[in-house]
PDB file of N, CA and C in Angstrom:
ATOM      1  N   MET A   1     -38.493 127.925-102.603  1.00  0.00           N
ATOM      2  CA  MET A   1     -39.612 127.688-101.141  1.00  0.00           C
ATOM      3  C   MET A   1     -39.294 128.457-100.999  1.00  0.00           C
ATOM      4  N   CYS A   2     -38.276 129.262-100.517  1.00  0.00           N
ATOM      5  CA  CYS A   2     -38.341 131.055 -99.462  1.00  0.00           C
ATOM      6  C   CYS A   2     -39.197 131.759 -99.461  1.00  0.00           C
ATOM      7  N   VAL A   3     -38.977 132.289-101.394  1.00  0.00           N
ATOM      8  CA  VAL A   3     -40.460 133.366-102.113  1.00  0.00           C
ATOM      9  C   VAL A   3     -41.388 132.592-101.330  1.00  0.00           C
ATOM     10  N   ASP A   4     -41.945 131.632-101.275  1.00  0.00           N
ATOM     11  CA  ASP A   4     -43.411 131.272-101.224  1.00  0.00           C
ATOM     12  C   ASP A   4     -43.214 131.235-100.019  1.00  0.00           C
ATOM     13  N   ILE A   5     -42.438 130.844 -98.531  1.00  0.00           N
ATOM     14  CA  ILE A   5     -42.552 131.340 -97.299  1.00  0.00           C
ATOM     15  C   ILE A   5     -42.500 133.311 -97.054  1.00  0.00           C
ATOM     16  N   GLY A   6     -41.685 133.269 -97.334  1.00  0.00           N
ATOM     17  CA  GLY A   6     -42.301 135.169 -97.676  1.00  0.00           C
ATOM     18  C   GLY A   6     -43.918 135.437 -98.309  1.00  0.00           C
ATOM     19  N   LYS A   7     -44.047 135.449 -99.243  1.00  0.00           N
ATOM     20  CA  LYS A   7     -45.545 136.408 -99.568  1.00  0.00           C
ATOM     21  C   LYS A   7     -46.581 135.206 -99.191  1.00  0.00           C
ATOM     22  N   SER A   8     -46.328 134.455 -97.744  1.00  0.00           N
ATOM     23  CA  SER A   8     -47.096 133.632 -96.513  1.00  0.00           C
ATOM     24  C   SER A   8     -46.895 134.815 -95.860  1.00  0.00           C
ATOM     25  N   LEU A   9     -45.585 135.033 -95.557  1.00  0.00           N
ATOM     26  CA  LEU A   9     -45.652 136.772 -94.351  1.00  0.00           C
ATOM     27  C   LEU A   9     -45.990 137.298 -94.643  1.00  0.00           C
ATOM     28  N   GLU A  10     -45.661 137.638 -95.853  1.00  0.00           N
ATOM     29  CA  GLU A  10     -46.422 139.101 -95.924  1.00  0.00           C
ATOM     30  C   GLU A  10     -44.903 139.540 -96.077  1.00  0.00           C
ATOM     31  N   ILE A  11     -43.993 139.599 -96.252  1.00  0.00           N
ATOM     32  CA  ILE A  11     -42.685 140.048 -96.740  1.00  0.00           C
ATOM     33  C   ILE A  11     -41.446 139.691 -97.452  1.00  0.00           C
ATOM     34  N   PRO A  12     -40.660 140.497 -97.551  1.00  0.00           N
ATOM     35  CA  PRO A  12     -39.989 139.613 -98.956  1.00  0.00           C
ATOM     36  C   PRO A  12     -38.635 139.273 -98.623  1.00  0.00           C
ATOM     37  N   ALA A  13     -38.409 137.504 -98.487  1.00  0.00           N
ATOM     38  CA  ALA A  13     -37.744 136.546 -98.450  1.00  0.00           C
ATOM     39  C   ALA A  13     -36.284 136.627 -99.095  1.00  0.00           C
ATOM     40  N   THR A  14     -35.643 136.332 -98.587  1.00  0.00           N
ATOM     41  CA  THR A  14     -34.105 135.592 -99.389  1.00  0.00           C
ATOM     42  C   THR A  14     -33.399 134.871 -98.376  1.00  0.00           C
ATOM     43  N   MET A  15     -32.572 133.693 -99.200  1.00  0.00           N
ATOM     44  CA  MET A  15     -31.851 132.416 -98.459  1.00  0.00           C
ATOM     45  C   MET A  15     -30.519 133.256 -99.093  1.00  0.00           C
ATOM     46  N   GLY A  16     -29.750 133.163 -97.220  1.00  0.00           N
ATOM     47  CA  GLY A  16     -28.497 133.020 -97.464  1.00  0.00           C
ATOM     48  C   GLY A  16     -27.549 131.356 -97.652  1.00  0.00           C
ATOM     49  N   PHE A  17     -27.970 130.546 -97.297  1.00  0.00           N
ATOM     50  CA  PHE A  17     -27.323 129.549 -96.833  1.00  0.00           C
ATOM     51  C   PHE A  17     -28.506 128.642 -96.840  1.00  0.00           C
ATOM     52  N   LEU A  18     -28.206 126.959 -97.427  1.00  0.00           N
ATOM     53  CA  LEU A  18     -29.086 126.083 -97.413  1.00  0.00           C
ATOM     54  C   LEU A  18     -28.132 124.165 -98.124  1.00  0.00           C
ATOM     55  N   ILE A  19     -28.642 124.099 -97.546  1.00  0.00           N
ATOM     56  CA  ILE A  19     -27.722 123.060 -96.867  1.00  0.00           C
ATOM     57  C   ILE A  19     -28.758 121.122 -96.949  1.00  0.00           C
ATOM     58  N   ARG A  20     -28.473 120.256 -98.614  1.00  0.00           N
ATOM     59  CA  ARG A  20     -29.032 119.179 -98.519  1.00  0.00           C
ATOM     60  C   ARG A  20     -28.835 118.302 -97.401  1.00  0.00           C
ATOM     61  N   THR A  21     -29.148 117.686 -97.009  1.00  0.00           N
ATOM     62  CA  THR A  21     -28.713 116.446 -95.891  1.00  0.00           C
ATOM     63  C   THR A  21     -29.268 114.884 -96.244  1.00  0.00           C
ATOM     64  N   ALA A  22     -30.050 115.181 -97.365  1.00  0.00           N
ATOM     65  CA  ALA A  22     -30.431 113.474 -98.236  1.00  0.00           C
ATOM     66  C   ALA A  22     -31.278 113.898 -99.508  1.00  0.00           C
ATOM     67  N   VAL A  23     -31.086 113.275 -99.996  1.00  0.00           N
ATOM     68  CA  VAL A  23     -31.717 112.807-101.408  1.00  0.00           C
ATOM     69  C   VAL A  23     -32.129 111.536-102.023  1.00  0.00           C
ATOM     70  N   GLY A  24     -32.753 111.015-102.261  1.00  0.00           N
ATOM     71  CA  GLY A  24     -33.588 109.814-101.428  1.00  0.00           C
ATOM     72  C   GLY A  24     -33.017 108.750-101.582  1.00  0.00           C
ATOM     73  N   SER A  25     -31.995 107.876-101.429  1.00  0.00           N
ATOM     74  CA  SER A  25     -31.400 107.304-100.502  1.00  0.00           C
ATOM     75  C   SER A  25     -29.766 107.722 -99.928  1.00  0.00           C
ATOM     76  N   PHE A  26     -29.594 108.687-100.696  1.00  0.00           N
ATOM     77  CA  PHE A  26     -27.792 109.483-100.103  1.00  0.00           C
ATOM     78  C   PHE A  26     -28.548 110.057 -99.172  1.00  0.00           C
ATOM     79  N   SER A  27     -27.530 110.263 -98.492  1.00  0.00           N
ATOM     80  CA  SER A  27     -27.676 111.218 -96.746  1.00  0.00           C
ATOM     81  C   SER A  27     -25.983 111.943 -96.419  1.00  0.00           C
ATOM     82  N   LEU A  28     -26.051 112.593 -96.076  1.00  0.00           N
ATOM     83  CA  LEU A  28     -24.721 113.520 -95.972  1.00  0.00           C
ATOM     84  C   LEU A  28     -23.834 112.950 -95.286  1.00  0.00           C
ATOM     85  N   ALA A  29     -24.317 111.890 -94.000  1.00  0.00           N
ATOM     86  CA  ALA A  29     -22.943 111.367 -93.755  1.00  0.00           C
ATOM     87  C   ALA A  29     -22.283 110.111 -94.660  1.00  0.00           C
ATOM     88  N   ASP A  30     -22.721 109.811 -95.813  1.00  0.00           N
ATOM     89  CA  ASP A  30     -22.214 109.468 -95.895  1.00  0.00           C
ATOM     90  C   ASP A  30     -22.067 109.605 -97.890  1.00  0.00           C
ATOM     91  N   SER A  31     -21.459 111.562 -97.832  1.00  0.00           N
ATOM     92  CA  SER A  31     -20.388 112.325 -99.088  1.00  0.00           C
ATOM     93  C   SER A  31     -19.652 111.652 -98.820  1.00  0.00           C
ATOM     94  N   HIS A  32     -18.655 112.006 -99.226  1.00  0.00           N
ATOM     95  CA  HIS A  32     -16.778 112.598 -99.489  1.00  0.00           C
ATOM     96  C   HIS A  32     -16.679 113.935 -99.661  1.00  0.00           C
ATOM     97  N   THR A  33     -15.540 114.551 -98.906  1.00  0.00           N
ATOM     98  CA  THR A  33     -14.912 115.951 -99.377  1.00  0.00           C
ATOM     99  C   THR A  33     -14.110 115.740-100.268  1.00  0.00           C
ATOM    100  N   LEU A  34     -13.927 116.772-101.848  1.00  0.00           N
ATOM    101  CA  LEU A  34     -13.562 116.643-102.891  1.00  0.00           C
ATOM    102  C   LEU A  34     -11.888 116.293-101.994  1.00  0.00           C
ATOM    103  N   GLU A  35     -11.510 116.317-100.912  1.00  0.00           N
ATOM    104  CA  GLU A  35      -9.943 115.498-101.014  1.00  0.00           C
ATOM    105  C   GLU A  35      -9.963 114.712-100.398  1.00  0.00           C
ATOM    106  N   GLU A  36     -10.518 114.397 -99.904  1.00  0.00           N
ATOM    107  CA  GLU A  36     -11.187 112.486 -99.954  1.00  0.00           C
ATOM    108  C   GLU A  36     -11.724 111.841-101.127  1.00  0.00           C
ATOM    109  N   ILE A  37     -12.123 113.074-101.498  1.00  0.00           N
ATOM    110  CA  ILE A  37     -11.924 111.878-103.225  1.00  0.00           C
ATOM    111  C   ILE A  37     -10.969 111.824-103.520  1.00  0.00           C
ATOM    112  N   ALA A  38      -9.771 112.638-104.111  1.00  0.00           N
ATOM    113  CA  ALA A  38      -8.693 112.764-105.158  1.00  0.00           C
ATOM    114  C   ALA A  38      -7.979 112.240-104.175  1.00  0.00           C
ATOM    115  N   ASN A  39      -7.620 112.125-103.085  1.00  0.00           N
ATOM    116  CA  ASN A  39      -6.389 111.298-102.533  1.00  0.00           C
ATOM    117  C   ASN A  39      -6.800 109.398-102.814  1.00  0.00           C
ATOM    118  N   ASN A  40      -8.466 108.799-102.354  1.00  0.00           N
ATOM    119  CA  ASN A  40      -9.113 107.888-102.977  1.00  0.00           C
ATOM    120  C   ASN A  40     -10.214 107.970-103.063  1.00  0.00           C
ATOM    121  N   PRO A  41     -10.367 108.192-105.279  1.00  0.00           N
ATOM    122  CA  PRO A  41     -10.870 107.862-105.627  1.00  0.00           C
ATOM    123  C   PRO A  41     -12.243 106.674-105.257  1.00  0.00           C
ATOM    124  N   LEU A  42     -10.750 105.449-105.157  1.00  0.00           N
ATOM    125  CA  LEU A  42     -11.971 104.197-105.567  1.00  0.00           C
ATOM    126  C   LEU A  42     -12.597 104.250-103.938  1.00  0.00           C
ATOM    127  N   GLN A  43     -12.960 104.326-102.525  1.00  0.00           N
ATOM    128  CA  GLN A  43     -13.039 104.798-100.938  1.00  0.00           C
ATOM    129  C   GLN A  43     -14.884 105.196-101.681  1.00  0.00           C
ATOM    130  N   SER A  44     -14.530 106.514-102.825  1.00  0.00           N
ATOM    131  CA  SER A  44     -16.439 106.322-103.044  1.00  0.00           C
ATOM    132  C   SER A  44     -16.779 105.793-103.748  1.00  0.00           C
ATOM    133  N   LEU A  45     -16.398 105.594-104.448  1.00  0.00           N
ATOM    134  CA  LEU A  45     -17.822 104.283-105.722  1.00  0.00           C
ATOM    135  C   LEU A  45     -18.845 103.820-104.866  1.00  0.00           C
ATOM    136  N   GLN A  46     -19.982 104.203-105.094  1.00  0.00           N
ATOM    137  CA  GLN A  46     -20.676 102.856-104.604  1.00  0.00           C
ATOM    138  C   GLN A  46     -21.213 102.511-106.370  1.00  0.00           C
ATOM    139  N   GLY A  47     -21.607 101.217-105.961  1.00  0.00           N
ATOM    140  CA  GLY A  47     -22.546 100.136-107.290  1.00  0.00           C
ATOM    141  C   GLY A  47     -23.914 100.547-107.447  1.00  0.00           C
ATOM    142  N   VAL A  48     -24.191 100.508-108.635  1.00  0.00           N
ATOM    143  CA  VAL A  48     -24.988 100.862-108.814  1.00  0.00           C
ATOM    144  C   VAL A  48     -26.455 100.302-108.180  1.00  0.00           C
ATOM    145  N   ASN A  49     -26.225  99.306-107.882  1.00  0.00           N
ATOM    146  CA  ASN A  49     -27.424  98.321-107.525  1.00  0.00           C
ATOM    147  C   ASN A  49     -26.927  99.993-106.712  1.00  0.00           C
ATOM    148  N   ILE A  50     -26.782 100.573-106.056  1.00  0.00           N
ATOM    149  CA  ILE A  50     -27.864 101.500-104.269  1.00  0.00           C
ATOM    150  C   ILE A  50     -29.164 102.388-105.358  1.00  0.00           C
ATOM    151  N   LEU A  51     -28.228 102.658-106.384  1.00  0.00           N
ATOM    152  CA  LEU A  51     -29.308 103.400-106.761  1.00  0.00           C
ATOM    153  C   LEU A  51     -30.519 102.999-107.359  1.00  0.00           C
ATOM    154  N   LEU A  52     -31.224 101.347-107.366  1.00  0.00           N
ATOM    155  CA  LEU A  52     -32.001 100.539-108.070  1.00  0.00           C
ATOM    156  C   LEU A  52     -32.873  99.320-106.529  1.00  0.00           C
ATOM    157  N   ASN A  53     -32.456 100.395-105.201  1.00  0.00           N
ATOM    158  CA  ASN A  53     -32.476  99.595-104.424  1.00  0.00           C
ATOM    159  C   ASN A  53     -34.017  99.715-104.505  1.00  0.00           C
ATOM    160  N   TYR A  54     -35.232 100.103-105.646  1.00  0.00           N
ATOM    161  CA  TYR A  54     -36.229 100.018-104.890  1.00  0.00           C
ATOM    162  C   TYR A  54     -36.329  98.398-105.769  1.00  0.00           C
ATOM    163  N   ILE A  55     -35.849  97.813-106.569  1.00  0.00           N
ATOM    164  CA  ILE A  55     -35.978  96.608-107.122  1.00  0.00           C
ATOM    165  C   ILE A  55     -35.369  94.703-106.964  1.00  0.00           C
ATOM    166  N   PRO A  56     -37.252  94.254-106.234  1.00  0.00           N
ATOM    167  CA  PRO A  56     -36.161  93.307-105.648  1.00  0.00           C
ATOM    168  C   PRO A  56     -35.285  93.135-106.232  1.00  0.00           C
ATOM    169  N   GLY A  57     -34.700  92.438-104.897  1.00  0.00           N
ATOM    170  CA  GLY A  57     -33.140  91.156-105.884  1.00  0.00           C
ATOM    171  C   GLY A  57     -33.588  89.827-105.301  1.00  0.00           C
ATOM    172  N   CYS A  58     -32.369  89.010-106.594  1.00  0.00           N
ATOM    173  CA  CYS A  58     -32.826  87.927-105.609  1.00  0.00           C
ATOM    174  C   CYS A  58     -31.066  87.218-105.882  1.00  0.00           C
ATOM    175  N   ALA A  59     -30.698  87.237-104.602  1.00  0.00           N
ATOM    176  CA  ALA A  59     -29.178  86.328-104.522  1.00  0.00           C
ATOM    177  C   ALA A  59     -29.350  85.227-104.767  1.00  0.00           C
ATOM    178  N   VAL A  60     -27.829  84.910-105.598  1.00  0.00           N
ATOM    179  CA  VAL A  60     -27.512  83.173-106.260  1.00  0.00           C
ATOM    180  C   VAL A  60     -26.278  83.372-105.948  1.00  0.00           C
ATOM    181  N   ASP A  61     -26.381  81.807-106.590  1.00  0.00           N
ATOM    182  CA  ASP A  61     -24.979  81.274-106.491  1.00  0.00           C
ATOM    183  C   ASP A  61     -23.822  81.375-107.840  1.00  0.00           C
ATOM    184  N   GLU A  62     -22.311  81.471-107.820  1.00  0.00           N
ATOM    185  CA  GLU A  62     -21.194  82.442-109.021  1.00  0.00           C
ATOM    186  C   GLU A  62     -21.785  81.913-109.914  1.00  0.00           C
ATOM    187  N   LEU A  63     -22.093  80.057-110.087  1.00  0.00           N
ATOM    188  CA  LEU A  63     -22.780  79.492-111.170  1.00  0.00           C
ATOM    189  C   LEU A  63     -23.913  80.163-111.991  1.00  0.00           C
ATOM    190  N   ALA A  64     -24.995  80.023-111.436  1.00  0.00           N
ATOM    191  CA  ALA A  64     -25.679  81.483-112.411  1.00  0.00           C
ATOM    192  C   ALA A  64     -26.104  82.400-112.425  1.00  0.00           C
ATOM    193  N   ILE A  65     -24.683  83.255-111.587  1.00  0.00           N
ATOM    194  CA  ILE A  65     -24.066  85.251-112.226  1.00  0.00           C
ATOM    195  C   ILE A  65     -23.571  84.426-113.267  1.00  0.00           C
ATOM    196  N   ALA A  66     -22.293  83.507-113.332  1.00  0.00           N
ATOM    197  CA  ALA A  66     -22.541  82.979-114.388  1.00  0.00           C
ATOM    198  C   ALA A  66     -23.214  82.800-115.958  1.00  0.00           C
ATOM    199  N   ASN A  67     -23.937  81.561-115.664  1.00  0.00           N
ATOM    200  CA  ASN A  67     -25.635  81.714-116.719  1.00  0.00           C
ATOM    201  C   ASN A  67     -25.377  83.530-117.051  1.00  0.00           C
ATOM    202  N   PHE A  68     -25.880  83.877-116.105  1.00  0.00           N
ATOM    203  CA  PHE A  68     -26.782  85.200-116.193  1.00  0.00           C
ATOM    204  C   PHE A  68     -25.587  85.679-116.916  1.00  0.00           C
ATOM    205  N   ARG A  69     -24.783  86.368-116.707  1.00  0.00           N
ATOM    206  CA  ARG A  69     -24.292  86.934-117.521  1.00  0.00           C
ATOM    207  C   ARG A  69     -23.562  86.513-119.063  1.00  0.00           C
ATOM    208  N   GLN A  70     -24.015  85.206-119.167  1.00  0.00           N
ATOM    209  CA  GLN A  70     -23.661  83.892-121.017  1.00  0.00           C
ATOM    210  C   GLN A  70     -25.103  84.279-121.401  1.00  0.00           C
ATOM    211  N   GLY A  71     -26.316  85.271-120.384  1.00  0.00           N
ATOM    212  CA  GLY A  71     -27.190  85.880-121.693  1.00  0.00           C
ATOM    213  C   GLY A  71     -28.382  84.506-121.548  1.00  0.00           C
ATOM    214  N   LYS A  72     -27.771  83.898-120.063  1.00  0.00           N
ATOM    215  CA  LYS A  72     -29.026  82.039-119.820  1.00  0.00           C
ATOM    216  C   LYS A  72     -30.198  82.733-119.210  1.00  0.00           C
ATOM    217  N   LYS A  73     -31.104  81.899-119.192  1.00  0.00           N
ATOM    218  CA  LYS A  73     -31.850  81.975-118.453  1.00  0.00           C
ATOM    219  C   LYS A  73     -31.411  81.274-116.576  1.00  0.00           C
ATOM    220  N   ILE A  74     -31.764  81.400-115.824  1.00  0.00           N
ATOM    221  CA  ILE A  74     -31.579  80.491-113.955  1.00  0.00           C
ATOM    222  C   ILE A  74     -32.967  80.722-113.432  1.00  0.00           C
ATOM    223  N   LYS A  75     -32.654  79.077-113.118  1.00  0.00           N
ATOM    224  CA  LYS A  75     -33.130  79.050-111.998  1.00  0.00           C
ATOM    225  C   LYS A  75     -33.897  79.905-110.426  1.00  0.00           C
ATOM    226  N   HIS A  76     -35.441  80.036-110.722  1.00  0.00           N
ATOM    227  CA  HIS A  76     -35.737  80.742-110.278  1.00  0.00           C
ATOM    228  C   HIS A  76     -37.367  80.324-109.064  1.00  0.00           C
ATOM    229  N   ASP A  77     -37.303  80.559-107.716  1.00  0.00           N
ATOM    230  CA  ASP A  77     -37.551  79.994-107.181  1.00  0.00           C
ATOM    231  C   ASP A  77     -39.355  80.009-107.119  1.00  0.00           C
ATOM    232  N   GLY A  78     -40.354  80.651-107.706  1.00  0.00           N
ATOM    233  CA  GLY A  78     -41.253  81.081-108.154  1.00  0.00           C
ATOM    234  C   GLY A  78     -42.344  82.041-107.222  1.00  0.00           C
ATOM    235  N   SER A  79     -41.124  82.847-106.867  1.00  0.00           N
ATOM    236  CA  SER A  79     -42.529  84.400-105.540  1.00  0.00           C
ATOM    237  C   SER A  79     -42.487  84.993-106.076  1.00  0.00           C
ATOM    238  N   GLN A  80     -42.383  84.918-106.906  1.00  0.00           N
ATOM    239  CA  GLN A  80     -42.590  86.735-107.654  1.00  0.00           C
ATOM    240  C   GLN A  80     -43.419  86.229-109.390  1.00  0.00           C
ATOM    241  N   LYS A  81     -44.442  87.046-110.212  1.00  0.00           N
ATOM    242  CA  LYS A  81     -44.680  86.151-110.793  1.00  0.00           C
ATOM    243  C   LYS A  81     -44.604  86.969-112.189  1.00  0.00           C
ATOM    244  N   ASP A  82     -44.944  86.234-113.246  1.00  0.00           N
ATOM    245  CA  ASP A  82     -43.657  86.734-114.624  1.00  0.00           C
ATOM    246  C   ASP A  82     -44.122  88.425-114.792  1.00  0.00           C
ATOM    247  N   GLY A  83     -43.005  88.551-114.996  1.00  0.00           N
ATOM    248  CA  GLY A  83     -42.514  90.262-115.848  1.00  0.00           C
ATOM    249  C   GLY A  83     -42.272  91.011-115.073  1.00  0.00           C
ATOM    250  N   THR A  84     -42.218  91.221-113.069  1.00  0.00           N
ATOM    251  CA  THR A  84     -41.592  91.123-112.586  1.00  0.00           C
ATOM    252  C   THR A  84     -39.644  91.726-112.681  1.00  0.00           C
ATOM    253  N   ALA A  85     -39.194  93.078-112.386  1.00  0.00           N
ATOM    254  CA  ALA A  85     -38.532  93.431-112.642  1.00  0.00           C
ATOM    255  C   ALA A  85     -37.618  92.667-111.392  1.00  0.00           C
ATOM    256  N   VAL A  86     -35.922  91.917-111.104  1.00  0.00           N
ATOM    257  CA  VAL A  86     -35.200  91.653-109.997  1.00  0.00           C
ATOM    258  C   VAL A  86     -34.127  91.907-110.460  1.00  0.00           C
ATOM    259  N   LEU A  87     -33.129  92.659-109.213  1.00  0.00           N
ATOM    260  CA  LEU A  87     -31.847  92.787-109.824  1.00  0.00           C
ATOM    261  C   LEU A  87     -30.784  91.700-108.478  1.00  0.00           C
ATOM    262  N   VAL A  88     -29.673  91.082-109.799  1.00  0.00           N
ATOM    263  CA  VAL A  88     -29.254  89.690-109.945  1.00  0.00           C
ATOM    264  C   VAL A  88     -28.216  89.853-109.093  1.00  0.00           C
ATOM    265  N   TYR A  89     -27.551  89.121-107.999  1.00  0.00           N
ATOM    266  CA  TYR A  89     -26.776  89.746-107.441  1.00  0.00           C
ATOM    267  C   TYR A  89     -25.953  88.169-106.140  1.00  0.00           C
ATOM    268  N   ASN A  90     -24.563  87.719-106.180  1.00  0.00           N
ATOM    269  CA  ASN A  90     -24.598  87.805-104.685  1.00  0.00           C
ATOM    270  C   ASN A  90     -23.671  88.302-103.970  1.00  0.00           C
ATOM    271  N   ASP A  91     -22.775  88.119-103.377  1.00  0.00           N
ATOM    272  CA  ASP A  91     -21.762  88.845-101.588  1.00  0.00           C
ATOM    273  C   ASP A  91     -21.472  89.848-101.921  1.00  0.00           C
ATOM    274  N   VAL A  92     -20.442  89.571-103.039  1.00  0.00           N
ATOM    275  CA  VAL A  92     -19.300  90.062-104.215  1.00  0.00           C
ATOM    276  C   VAL A  92     -19.728  90.616-105.199  1.00  0.00           C
ATOM    277  N   ASP A  93     -20.775  90.592-105.858  1.00  0.00           N
ATOM    278  CA  ASP A  93     -21.302  90.888-107.263  1.00  0.00           C
ATOM    279  C   ASP A  93     -22.803  90.960-107.903  1.00  0.00           C
ATOM    280  N   PHE A  94     -22.783  91.669-108.770  1.00  0.00           N
ATOM    281  CA  PHE A  94     -23.991  92.957-108.941  1.00  0.00           C
ATOM    282  C   PHE A  94     -23.647  92.571-110.721  1.00  0.00           C
ATOM    283  N   ALA A  95     -24.816  91.503-110.963  1.00  0.00           N
ATOM    284  CA  ALA A  95     -24.528  91.194-112.545  1.00  0.00           C
ATOM    285  C   ALA A  95     -25.839  91.403-113.234  1.00  0.00           C
ATOM    286  N   GLY A  96     -26.699  91.751-112.595  1.00  0.00           N
ATOM    287  CA  GLY A  96     -27.066  92.410-113.681  1.00  0.00           C
ATOM    288  C   GLY A  96     -29.381  92.761-113.249  1.00  0.00           C
ATOM    289  N   ILE A  97     -29.793  93.344-114.473  1.00  0.00           N
ATOM    290  CA  ILE A  97     -31.363  92.933-113.857  1.00  0.00           C
ATOM    291  C   ILE A  97     -32.589  92.263-114.887  1.00  0.00           C
ATOM    292  N   GLY A  98     -32.918  91.501-114.453  1.00  0.00           N
ATOM    293  CA  GLY A  98     -33.355  89.828-114.608  1.00  0.00           C
ATOM    294  C   GLY A  98     -34.950  90.348-115.126  1.00  0.00           C
ATOM    295  N   ILE A  99     -35.489  89.909-115.543  1.00  0.00           N
ATOM    296  CA  ILE A  99     -37.210  89.548-115.439  1.00  0.00           C
ATOM    297  C   ILE A  99     -37.359  87.913-115.416  1.00  0.00           C
ATOM    298  N   ILE A 100     -38.271  87.937-113.874  1.00  0.00           N
ATOM    299  CA  ILE A 100     -39.124  86.619-113.680  1.00  0.00           C
ATOM    300  C   ILE A 100     -40.349  85.971-115.591  1.00  0.00           C
ATOM    301  N   SER A 101     -39.599  84.832-115.891  1.00  0.00           N
ATOM    302  CA  SER A 101     -40.308  83.786-116.313  1.00  0.00           C
ATOM    303  C   SER A 101     -41.074  82.937-116.173  1.00  0.00           C
ATOM    304  N   GLU A 102     -41.864  82.709-116.543  1.00  0.00           N
ATOM    305  CA  GLU A 102     -41.923  80.652-117.762  1.00  0.00           C
ATOM    306  C   GLU A 102     -42.809  81.128-115.645  1.00  0.00           C
ATOM    307  N   ASN A 103     -43.808  81.909-115.705  1.00  0.00           N
ATOM    308  CA  ASN A 103     -44.905  80.663-114.232  1.00  0.00           C
ATOM    309  C   ASN A 103     -43.748  81.243-113.151  1.00  0.00           C
ATOM    310  N   GLY A 104     -42.555  81.967-112.865  1.00  0.00           N
ATOM    311  CA  GLY A 104     -41.887  82.609-111.685  1.00  0.00           C
ATOM    312  C   GLY A 104     -41.019  81.514-112.331  1.00  0.00           C
ATOM    313  N   GLN A 105     -40.470  80.525-112.296  1.00  0.00           N
ATOM    314  CA  GLN A 105     -39.285  79.226-112.779  1.00  0.00           C
ATOM    315  C   GLN A 105     -37.870  79.686-112.568  1.00  0.00           C
ATOM    316  N   TYR A 106     -38.052  81.500-113.951  1.00  0.00           N
ATOM    317  CA  TYR A 106     -36.957  81.201-114.182  1.00  0.00           C
ATOM    318  C   TYR A 106     -36.163  82.983-114.151  1.00  0.00           C
ATOM    319  N   ILE A 107     -35.805  83.714-114.181  1.00  0.00           N
ATOM    320  CA  ILE A 107     -35.079  84.961-114.394  1.00  0.00           C
ATOM    321  C   ILE A 107     -33.519  84.483-115.959  1.00  0.00           C
ATOM    322  N   ALA A 108     -34.656  85.422-116.647  1.00  0.00           N
ATOM    323  CA  ALA A 108     -33.821  85.886-118.523  1.00  0.00           C
ATOM    324  C   ALA A 108     -33.430  87.357-117.621  1.00  0.00           C
ATOM    325  N   PRO A 109     -31.501  87.061-118.883  1.00  0.00           N
ATOM    326  CA  PRO A 109     -31.288  87.872-117.804  1.00  0.00           C
ATOM    327  C   PRO A 109     -32.389  89.457-119.694  1.00  0.00           C
ATOM    328  N   HIS A 110     -31.679  90.610-118.566  1.00  0.00           N
ATOM    329  CA  HIS A 110     -32.242  92.177-119.548  1.00  0.00           C
ATOM    330  C   HIS A 110     -31.565  92.850-119.085  1.00  0.00           C
ATOM    331  N   LYS A 111     -30.301  93.428-118.501  1.00  0.00           N
ATOM    332  CA  LYS A 111     -29.646  93.811-118.625  1.00  0.00           C
ATOM    333  C   LYS A 111     -28.526  93.414-117.668  1.00  0.00           C
ATOM    334  N   VAL A 112     -27.106  92.910-117.964  1.00  0.00           N
ATOM    335  CA  VAL A 112     -25.917  92.713-118.196  1.00  0.00           C
ATOM    336  C   VAL A 112     -24.624  93.772-117.742  1.00  0.00           C
ATOM    337  N   LEU A 113     -24.016  93.237-116.503  1.00  0.00           N
ATOM    338  CA  LEU A 113     -22.572  94.193-116.434  1.00  0.00           C
ATOM    339  C   LEU A 113     -22.174  92.925-115.665  1.00  0.00           C
ATOM    340  N   ASN A 114     -21.151  93.042-116.607  1.00  0.00           N
ATOM    341  CA  ASN A 114     -20.178  92.086-116.840  1.00  0.00           C
ATOM    342  C   ASN A 114     -18.801  92.672-115.859  1.00  0.00           C
TER     343      ASN A 114
END
């Protein structure tokens, strides 16, 4: 980018410093220093669902989470069409990714996290 700007201005250009303030849904404010990670590694961990926030979610109860993890289809309200991928979770747990099936009436497990 720096070289392109220099070419546009018809002068040589170099960069002495660059800091990224955001990448995708991650921002500099959410980052941790190496010292913070060394002192408290669990503090800096985030759930895998943070990376998948572009996929619609479906909040379910604990029984549905247990059934989903056992490979069973779970009931769905029919609000999404067949073949749609959804994140399956509850207040404390992310169970995985399911696929809407049977005219939107069920979520079939696709990728399950135990």
